[in-house]
Amino acid sequence: MLETETETSIEELKPTNKTQRFAQWLMDREEKREKKDSSLEGLIKLNVLVSFLTLGLVGGFETVQLAVSLIPYLG
């Protein structure tokens, strides 16, 4: 019985020795780390937004304008 093209390509992608399995594990770990980093970036953006909203509620709109105008001087 003949194998289809996809079955052959899937078998070719399977790691066969320890070095290939280790390389695959490293690539999988890096993908997970990238996903984690992107979720952290989202949390940081949310934190900045909530901070500005809190600043606006406590100090008023003028305080938020002042804080936004000072952002270029922070870097």
PDB file of N, CA and C in Angstrom:
ATOM      1  N   MET A   1       0.837  -1.176   0.000  1.00  0.00           N
ATOM      2  CA  MET A   1       0.000   0.000   0.000  1.00  0.00           C
ATOM      3  C   MET A   1       0.886   1.244   0.000  1.00  0.00           C
ATOM      4  N   LEU A   2       0.556   2.225  -0.829  1.00  0.00           N
ATOM      5  CA  LEU A   2       1.354   3.437  -0.954  1.00  0.00           C
ATOM      6  C   LEU A   2       0.971   4.460   0.103  1.00  0.00           C
ATOM      7  N   GLU A   3       1.970   5.135   0.634  1.00  0.00           N
ATOM      8  CA  GLU A   3       1.699   6.195   1.600  1.00  0.00           C
ATOM      9  C   GLU A   3       1.370   7.483   0.857  1.00  0.00           C
ATOM     10  N   THR A   4       0.519   8.282   1.449  1.00  0.00           N
ATOM     11  CA  THR A   4       0.216   9.573   0.830  1.00  0.00           C
ATOM     12  C   THR A   4       1.351  10.536   1.097  1.00  0.00           C
ATOM     13  N   GLU A   5       1.321  11.664   0.422  1.00  0.00           N
ATOM     14  CA  GLU A   5       2.381  12.655   0.561  1.00  0.00           C
ATOM     15  C   GLU A   5       2.430  13.236   1.971  1.00  0.00           C
ATOM     16  N   THR A   6       1.260  13.458   2.570  1.00  0.00           N
ATOM     17  CA  THR A   6       1.234  14.046   3.914  1.00  0.00           C
ATOM     18  C   THR A   6       1.765  13.081   4.951  1.00  0.00           C
ATOM     19  N   GLU A   7       1.467  11.799   4.817  1.00  0.00           N
ATOM     20  CA  GLU A   7       1.988  10.821   5.777  1.00  0.00           C
ATOM     21  C   GLU A   7       3.506  10.773   5.717  1.00  0.00           C
ATOM     22  N   THR A   8       4.051  10.843   4.527  1.00  0.00           N
ATOM     23  CA  THR A   8       5.496  10.818   4.363  1.00  0.00           C
ATOM     24  C   THR A   8       6.130  12.066   4.979  1.00  0.00           C
ATOM     25  N   SER A   9       5.534  13.234   4.722  1.00  0.00           N
ATOM     26  CA  SER A   9       6.119  14.462   5.260  1.00  0.00           C
ATOM     27  C   SER A   9       6.014  14.515   6.776  1.00  0.00           C
ATOM     28  N   ILE A  10       4.948  13.968   7.359  1.00  0.00           N
ATOM     29  CA  ILE A  10       4.815  13.940   8.820  1.00  0.00           C
ATOM     30  C   ILE A  10       5.881  13.049   9.428  1.00  0.00           C
ATOM     31  N   GLU A  11       6.128  11.887   8.797  1.00  0.00           N
ATOM     32  CA  GLU A  11       7.145  10.988   9.331  1.00  0.00           C
ATOM     33  C   GLU A  11       8.541  11.589   9.197  1.00  0.00           C
ATOM     34  N   GLU A  12       8.763  12.368   8.148  1.00  0.00           N
ATOM     35  CA  GLU A  12      10.061  13.000   7.976  1.00  0.00           C
ATOM     36  C   GLU A  12      10.308  14.067   9.034  1.00  0.00           C
ATOM     37  N   LEU A  13       9.240  14.683   9.555  1.00  0.00           N
ATOM     38  CA  LEU A  13       9.388  15.744  10.549  1.00  0.00           C
ATOM     39  C   LEU A  13       9.624  15.207  11.953  1.00  0.00           C
ATOM     40  N   LYS A  14       9.314  13.941  12.199  1.00  0.00           N
ATOM     41  CA  LYS A  14       9.500  13.375  13.532  1.00  0.00           C
ATOM     42  C   LYS A  14      10.986  13.267  13.844  1.00  0.00           C
ATOM     43  N   PRO A  15      11.387  13.738  15.024  1.00  0.00           N
ATOM     44  CA  PRO A  15      12.803  13.624  15.397  1.00  0.00           C
ATOM     45  C   PRO A  15      13.194  12.158  15.562  1.00  0.00           C
ATOM     46  N   THR A  16      14.379  11.803  15.080  1.00  0.00           N
ATOM     47  CA  THR A  16      14.792  10.410  15.146  1.00  0.00           C
ATOM     48  C   THR A  16      15.910  10.172  16.153  1.00  0.00           C
ATOM     49  N   ASN A  17      16.679  11.179  16.464  1.00  0.00           N
ATOM     50  CA  ASN A  17      17.743  10.960  17.449  1.00  0.00           C
ATOM     51  C   ASN A  17      17.649  12.016  18.547  1.00  0.00           C
ATOM     52  N   LYS A  18      18.526  11.888  19.528  1.00  0.00           N
ATOM     53  CA  LYS A  18      18.478  12.788  20.686  1.00  0.00           C
ATOM     54  C   LYS A  18      18.723  14.238  20.305  1.00  0.00           C
ATOM     55  N   THR A  19      19.631  14.473  19.386  1.00  0.00           N
ATOM     56  CA  THR A  19      19.947  15.844  18.975  1.00  0.00           C
ATOM     57  C   THR A  19      18.746  16.506  18.326  1.00  0.00           C
ATOM     58  N   GLN A  20      18.060  15.777  17.457  1.00  0.00           N
ATOM     59  CA  GLN A  20      16.881  16.337  16.794  1.00  0.00           C
ATOM     60  C   GLN A  20      15.745  16.559  17.784  1.00  0.00           C
ATOM     61  N   ARG A  21      15.565  15.641  18.725  1.00  0.00           N
ATOM     62  CA  ARG A  21      14.517  15.823  19.743  1.00  0.00           C
ATOM     63  C   ARG A  21      14.821  17.034  20.618  1.00  0.00           C
ATOM     64  N   PHE A  22      16.108  17.216  20.967  1.00  0.00           N
ATOM     65  CA  PHE A  22      16.506  18.363  21.774  1.00  0.00           C
ATOM     66  C   PHE A  22      16.269  19.670  21.014  1.00  0.00           C
ATOM     67  N   ALA A  23      16.616  19.671  19.722  1.00  0.00           N
ATOM     68  CA  ALA A  23      16.394  20.864  18.905  1.00  0.00           C
ATOM     69  C   ALA A  23      14.904  21.180  18.820  1.00  0.00           C
ATOM     70  N   GLN A  24      14.072  20.160  18.668  1.00  0.00           N
ATOM     71  CA  GLN A  24      12.621  20.373  18.607  1.00  0.00           C
ATOM     72  C   GLN A  24      12.113  20.923  19.933  1.00  0.00           C
ATOM     73  N   TRP A  25      12.637  20.398  21.041  1.00  0.00           N
ATOM     74  CA  TRP A  25      12.226  20.879  22.363  1.00  0.00           C
ATOM     75  C   TRP A  25      12.605  22.350  22.536  1.00  0.00           C
ATOM     76  N   LEU A  26      13.812  22.725  22.075  1.00  0.00           N
ATOM     77  CA  LEU A  26      14.235  24.120  22.163  1.00  0.00           C
ATOM     78  C   LEU A  26      13.328  25.034  21.345  1.00  0.00           C
ATOM     79  N   MET A  27      12.953  24.603  20.145  1.00  0.00           N
ATOM     80  CA  MET A  27      12.071  25.422  19.311  1.00  0.00           C
ATOM     81  C   MET A  27      10.690  25.558  19.939  1.00  0.00           C
ATOM     82  N   ASP A  28      10.174  24.470  20.494  1.00  0.00           N
ATOM     83  CA  ASP A  28       8.870  24.537  21.162  1.00  0.00           C
ATOM     84  C   ASP A  28       8.921  25.467  22.369  1.00  0.00           C
ATOM     85  N   ARG A  29      10.022  25.384  23.123  1.00  0.00           N
ATOM     86  CA  ARG A  29      10.177  26.241  24.300  1.00  0.00           C
ATOM     87  C   ARG A  29      10.231  27.711  23.901  1.00  0.00           C
ATOM     88  N   GLU A  30      10.917  28.012  22.799  1.00  0.00           N
ATOM     89  CA  GLU A  30      11.014  29.397  22.331  1.00  0.00           C
ATOM     90  C   GLU A  30       9.646  29.921  21.887  1.00  0.00           C
ATOM     91  N   GLU A  31       8.859  29.074  21.231  1.00  0.00           N
ATOM     92  CA  GLU A  31       7.506  29.486  20.829  1.00  0.00           C
ATOM     93  C   GLU A  31       6.654  29.806  22.056  1.00  0.00           C
ATOM     94  N   LYS A  32       6.744  28.978  23.094  1.00  0.00           N
ATOM     95  CA  LYS A  32       5.986  29.229  24.320  1.00  0.00           C
ATOM     96  C   LYS A  32       6.436  30.529  24.980  1.00  0.00           C
ATOM     97  N   ARG A  33       7.743  30.786  24.957  1.00  0.00           N
ATOM     98  CA  ARG A  33       8.278  32.014  25.559  1.00  0.00           C
ATOM     99  C   ARG A  33       7.779  33.245  24.809  1.00  0.00           C
ATOM    100  N   GLU A  34       7.706  33.160  23.479  1.00  0.00           N
ATOM    101  CA  GLU A  34       7.213  34.283  22.685  1.00  0.00           C
ATOM    102  C   GLU A  34       5.742  34.564  22.999  1.00  0.00           C
ATOM    103  N   LYS A  35       4.957  33.513  23.161  1.00  0.00           N
ATOM    104  CA  LYS A  35       3.547  33.699  23.521  1.00  0.00           C
ATOM    105  C   LYS A  35       3.433  34.362  24.888  1.00  0.00           C
ATOM    106  N   LYS A  36       4.281  33.941  25.812  1.00  0.00           N
ATOM    107  CA  LYS A  36       4.263  34.513  27.151  1.00  0.00           C
ATOM    108  C   LYS A  36       4.648  35.989  27.114  1.00  0.00           C
ATOM    109  N   ASP A  37       5.672  36.318  26.319  1.00  0.00           N
ATOM    110  CA  ASP A  37       6.104  37.714  26.192  1.00  0.00           C
ATOM    111  C   ASP A  37       4.997  38.579  25.615  1.00  0.00           C
ATOM    112  N   SER A  38       4.281  38.070  24.620  1.00  0.00           N
ATOM    113  CA  SER A  38       3.214  38.868  24.022  1.00  0.00           C
ATOM    114  C   SER A  38       2.078  39.081  25.014  1.00  0.00           C
ATOM    115  N   SER A  39       1.812  38.094  25.873  1.00  0.00           N
ATOM    116  CA  SER A  39       0.766  38.289  26.874  1.00  0.00           C
ATOM    117  C   SER A  39       1.218  39.288  27.938  1.00  0.00           C
ATOM    118  N   LEU A  40       2.520  39.308  28.252  1.00  0.00           N
ATOM    119  CA  LEU A  40       3.041  40.290  29.203  1.00  0.00           C
ATOM    120  C   LEU A  40       2.934  41.701  28.632  1.00  0.00           C
ATOM    121  N   GLU A  41       3.183  41.838  27.338  1.00  0.00           N
ATOM    122  CA  GLU A  41       3.046  43.153  26.706  1.00  0.00           C
ATOM    123  C   GLU A  41       1.605  43.646  26.812  1.00  0.00           C
ATOM    124  N   GLY A  42       0.659  42.750  26.635  1.00  0.00           N
ATOM    125  CA  GLY A  42      -0.749  43.121  26.771  1.00  0.00           C
ATOM    126  C   GLY A  42      -1.083  43.562  28.184  1.00  0.00           C
ATOM    127  N   LEU A  43      -0.526  42.873  29.169  1.00  0.00           N
ATOM    128  CA  LEU A  43      -0.765  43.254  30.559  1.00  0.00           C
ATOM    129  C   LEU A  43      -0.144  44.612  30.882  1.00  0.00           C
ATOM    130  N   ILE A  44       1.026  44.882  30.311  1.00  0.00           N
ATOM    131  CA  ILE A  44       1.667  46.174  30.548  1.00  0.00           C
ATOM    132  C   ILE A  44       0.829  47.300  29.953  1.00  0.00           C
ATOM    133  N   LYS A  45       0.322  47.100  28.738  1.00  0.00           N
ATOM    134  CA  LYS A  45      -0.529  48.114  28.116  1.00  0.00           C
ATOM    135  C   LYS A  45      -1.790  48.348  28.939  1.00  0.00           C
ATOM    136  N   LEU A  46      -2.380  47.271  29.437  1.00  0.00           N
ATOM    137  CA  LEU A  46      -3.568  47.413  30.274  1.00  0.00           C
ATOM    138  C   LEU A  46      -3.236  48.177  31.554  1.00  0.00           C
ATOM    139  N   ASN A  47      -2.092  47.881  32.143  1.00  0.00           N
ATOM    140  CA  ASN A  47      -1.675  48.560  33.366  1.00  0.00           C
ATOM    141  C   ASN A  47      -1.484  50.059  33.127  1.00  0.00           C
ATOM    142  N   VAL A  48      -0.873  50.416  31.991  1.00  0.00           N
ATOM    143  CA  VAL A  48      -0.681  51.836  31.674  1.00  0.00           C
ATOM    144  C   VAL A  48      -2.027  52.529  31.494  1.00  0.00           C
ATOM    145  N   LEU A  49      -2.939  51.883  30.799  1.00  0.00           N
ATOM    146  CA  LEU A  49      -4.266  52.457  30.586  1.00  0.00           C
ATOM    147  C   LEU A  49      -4.994  52.677  31.908  1.00  0.00           C
ATOM    148  N   VAL A  50      -4.983  51.670  32.759  1.00  0.00           N
ATOM    149  CA  VAL A  50      -5.653  51.797  34.052  1.00  0.00           C
ATOM    150  C   VAL A  50      -4.991  52.871  34.906  1.00  0.00           C
ATOM    151  N   SER A  51      -3.672  52.973  34.827  1.00  0.00           N
ATOM    152  CA  SER A  51      -2.966  54.006  35.592  1.00  0.00           C
ATOM    153  C   SER A  51      -3.393  55.402  35.152  1.00  0.00           C
ATOM    154  N   PHE A  52      -3.485  55.613  33.829  1.00  0.00           N
ATOM    155  CA  PHE A  52      -3.911  56.922  33.340  1.00  0.00           C
ATOM    156  C   PHE A  52      -5.366  57.211  33.695  1.00  0.00           C
ATOM    157  N   LEU A  53      -6.207  56.193  33.653  1.00  0.00           N
ATOM    158  CA  LEU A  53      -7.603  56.397  34.051  1.00  0.00           C
ATOM    159  C   LEU A  53      -7.693  56.767  35.527  1.00  0.00           C
ATOM    160  N   THR A  54      -6.914  56.084  36.351  1.00  0.00           N
ATOM    161  CA  THR A  54      -6.899  56.404  37.780  1.00  0.00           C
ATOM    162  C   THR A  54      -6.376  57.813  38.010  1.00  0.00           C
ATOM    163  N   LEU A  55      -5.316  58.167  37.300  1.00  0.00           N
ATOM    164  CA  LEU A  55      -4.760  59.515  37.412  1.00  0.00           C
ATOM    165  C   LEU A  55      -5.800  60.554  37.004  1.00  0.00           C
ATOM    166  N   GLY A  56      -6.546  60.243  35.955  1.00  0.00           N
ATOM    167  CA  GLY A  56      -7.594  61.163  35.511  1.00  0.00           C
ATOM    168  C   GLY A  56      -8.700  61.317  36.531  1.00  0.00           C
ATOM    169  N   LEU A  57      -9.068  60.234  37.186  1.00  0.00           N
ATOM    170  CA  LEU A  57     -10.126  60.310  38.198  1.00  0.00           C
ATOM    171  C   LEU A  57      -9.662  61.074  39.432  1.00  0.00           C
ATOM    172  N   VAL A  58      -8.426  60.860  39.832  1.00  0.00           N
ATOM    173  CA  VAL A  58      -7.923  61.483  41.053  1.00  0.00           C
ATOM    174  C   VAL A  58      -7.485  62.929  40.810  1.00  0.00           C
ATOM    175  N   GLY A  59      -6.717  63.144  39.742  1.00  0.00           N
ATOM    176  CA  GLY A  59      -6.121  64.459  39.549  1.00  0.00           C
ATOM    177  C   GLY A  59      -6.820  65.336  38.535  1.00  0.00           C
ATOM    178  N   GLY A  60      -7.713  64.774  37.767  1.00  0.00           N
ATOM    179  CA  GLY A  60      -8.397  65.561  36.759  1.00  0.00           C
ATOM    180  C   GLY A  60      -7.726  65.457  35.399  1.00  0.00           C
ATOM    181  N   PHE A  61      -8.419  65.972  34.400  1.00  0.00           N
ATOM    182  CA  PHE A  61      -7.953  65.855  33.020  1.00  0.00           C
ATOM    183  C   PHE A  61      -6.656  66.617  32.788  1.00  0.00           C
ATOM    184  N   GLU A  62      -6.486  67.739  33.455  1.00  0.00           N
ATOM    185  CA  GLU A  62      -5.273  68.526  33.274  1.00  0.00           C
ATOM    186  C   GLU A  62      -4.038  67.743  33.721  1.00  0.00           C
ATOM    187  N   THR A  63      -4.166  66.952  34.760  1.00  0.00           N
ATOM    188  CA  THR A  63      -3.057  66.132  35.247  1.00  0.00           C
ATOM    189  C   THR A  63      -2.674  65.080  34.223  1.00  0.00           C
ATOM    190  N   VAL A  64      -3.688  64.485  33.582  1.00  0.00           N
ATOM    191  CA  VAL A  64      -3.415  63.487  32.542  1.00  0.00           C
ATOM    192  C   VAL A  64      -2.709  64.151  31.363  1.00  0.00           C
ATOM    193  N   GLN A  65      -3.152  65.342  30.986  1.00  0.00           N
ATOM    194  CA  GLN A  65      -2.486  66.053  29.889  1.00  0.00           C
ATOM    195  C   GLN A  65      -1.028  66.334  30.230  1.00  0.00           C
ATOM    196  N   LEU A  66      -0.770  66.744  31.466  1.00  0.00           N
ATOM    197  CA  LEU A  66       0.605  67.014  31.889  1.00  0.00           C
ATOM    198  C   LEU A  66       1.444  65.734  31.851  1.00  0.00           C
ATOM    199  N   ALA A  67       0.889  64.645  32.343  1.00  0.00           N
ATOM    200  CA  ALA A  67       1.624  63.376  32.357  1.00  0.00           C
ATOM    201  C   ALA A  67       1.938  62.914  30.932  1.00  0.00           C
ATOM    202  N   VAL A  68       0.991  63.040  30.024  1.00  0.00           N
ATOM    203  CA  VAL A  68       1.215  62.639  28.626  1.00  0.00           C
ATOM    204  C   VAL A  68       2.265  63.532  27.978  1.00  0.00           C
ATOM    205  N   SER A  69       2.256  64.818  28.314  1.00  0.00           N
ATOM    206  CA  SER A  69       3.241  65.718  27.722  1.00  0.00           C
ATOM    207  C   SER A  69       4.642  65.450  28.247  1.00  0.00           C
ATOM    208  N   LEU A  70       4.780  64.832  29.424  1.00  0.00           N
ATOM    209  CA  LEU A  70       6.093  64.544  29.996  1.00  0.00           C
ATOM    210  C   LEU A  70       6.656  63.191  29.555  1.00  0.00           C
ATOM    211  N   ILE A  71       5.886  62.380  28.870  1.00  0.00           N
ATOM    212  CA  ILE A  71       6.339  61.046  28.469  1.00  0.00           C
ATOM    213  C   ILE A  71       7.622  61.097  27.628  1.00  0.00           C
ATOM    214  N   PRO A  72       7.761  61.996  26.667  1.00  0.00           N
ATOM    215  CA  PRO A  72       9.023  62.010  25.885  1.00  0.00           C
ATOM    216  C   PRO A  72      10.269  62.228  26.732  1.00  0.00           C
ATOM    217  N   TYR A  73      10.138  62.884  27.885  1.00  0.00           N
ATOM    218  CA  TYR A  73      11.289  63.162  28.730  1.00  0.00           C
ATOM    219  C   TYR A  73      11.689  61.967  29.608  1.00  0.00           C
ATOM    220  N   LEU A  74      10.850  60.927  29.663  1.00  0.00           N
ATOM    221  CA  LEU A  74      11.160  59.759  30.487  1.00  0.00           C
ATOM    222  C   LEU A  74      12.243  58.879  29.842  1.00  0.00           C
ATOM    223  N   GLY A  75      12.280  58.854  28.515  1.00  0.00           N
ATOM    224  CA  GLY A  75      13.217  57.963  27.818  1.00  0.00           C
ATOM    225  C   GLY A  75      14.519  58.564  27.639  1.00  0.00           C
TER     226      GLY A  75
END
